[in-house]
Amino acid sequence: PTVHVNLSQNECHVSVAATAAPHARAYELALDEGQMEQEEETRGSPWLLEPAHAAACVMRANLFRHLEESARSGQKLCVWDPFCGKGTLLLEALGIAMGVPPASPAMMMPFQQFPEFNQMHF
């Protein structure tokens, strides 16, 4: 884990980063090394929709309401990604619809390295 220490006059503030970065997504685990390098290089690009922004768009579009309405009426629902990038909008919509959190149990979190961490309670 990352430990931050701030010394100021007669005080010492210590904080520990116990969780992963909020932009980490479980579907990125399927990328190979070359794709991961490209992902890191393009992160923050103004031309790509970041995962958190894509999730916000999906939530703002009331996806759950549309899913319920289409299920009740027996109609199909088509979700499309107009941004022609890496399919981030579709992946976020799928994750939200399936109730999958952004991170994954397969992703190692910094707090799992703490001496008192208990895998059974996690």
Foldseek 3Di string as FASTA:
>chain_A
DDWDWDDDDPDIDIDDQFFDDPQAAAVCVPDDPVVVVVVVVCPPPPLDQGLVNLLVVLVVVVVVVVVVVCVVVVHDDDDDDPSPDDCSNVVSNVCVVVVHDRHDPVDDTNNCPDPPDDPVVD
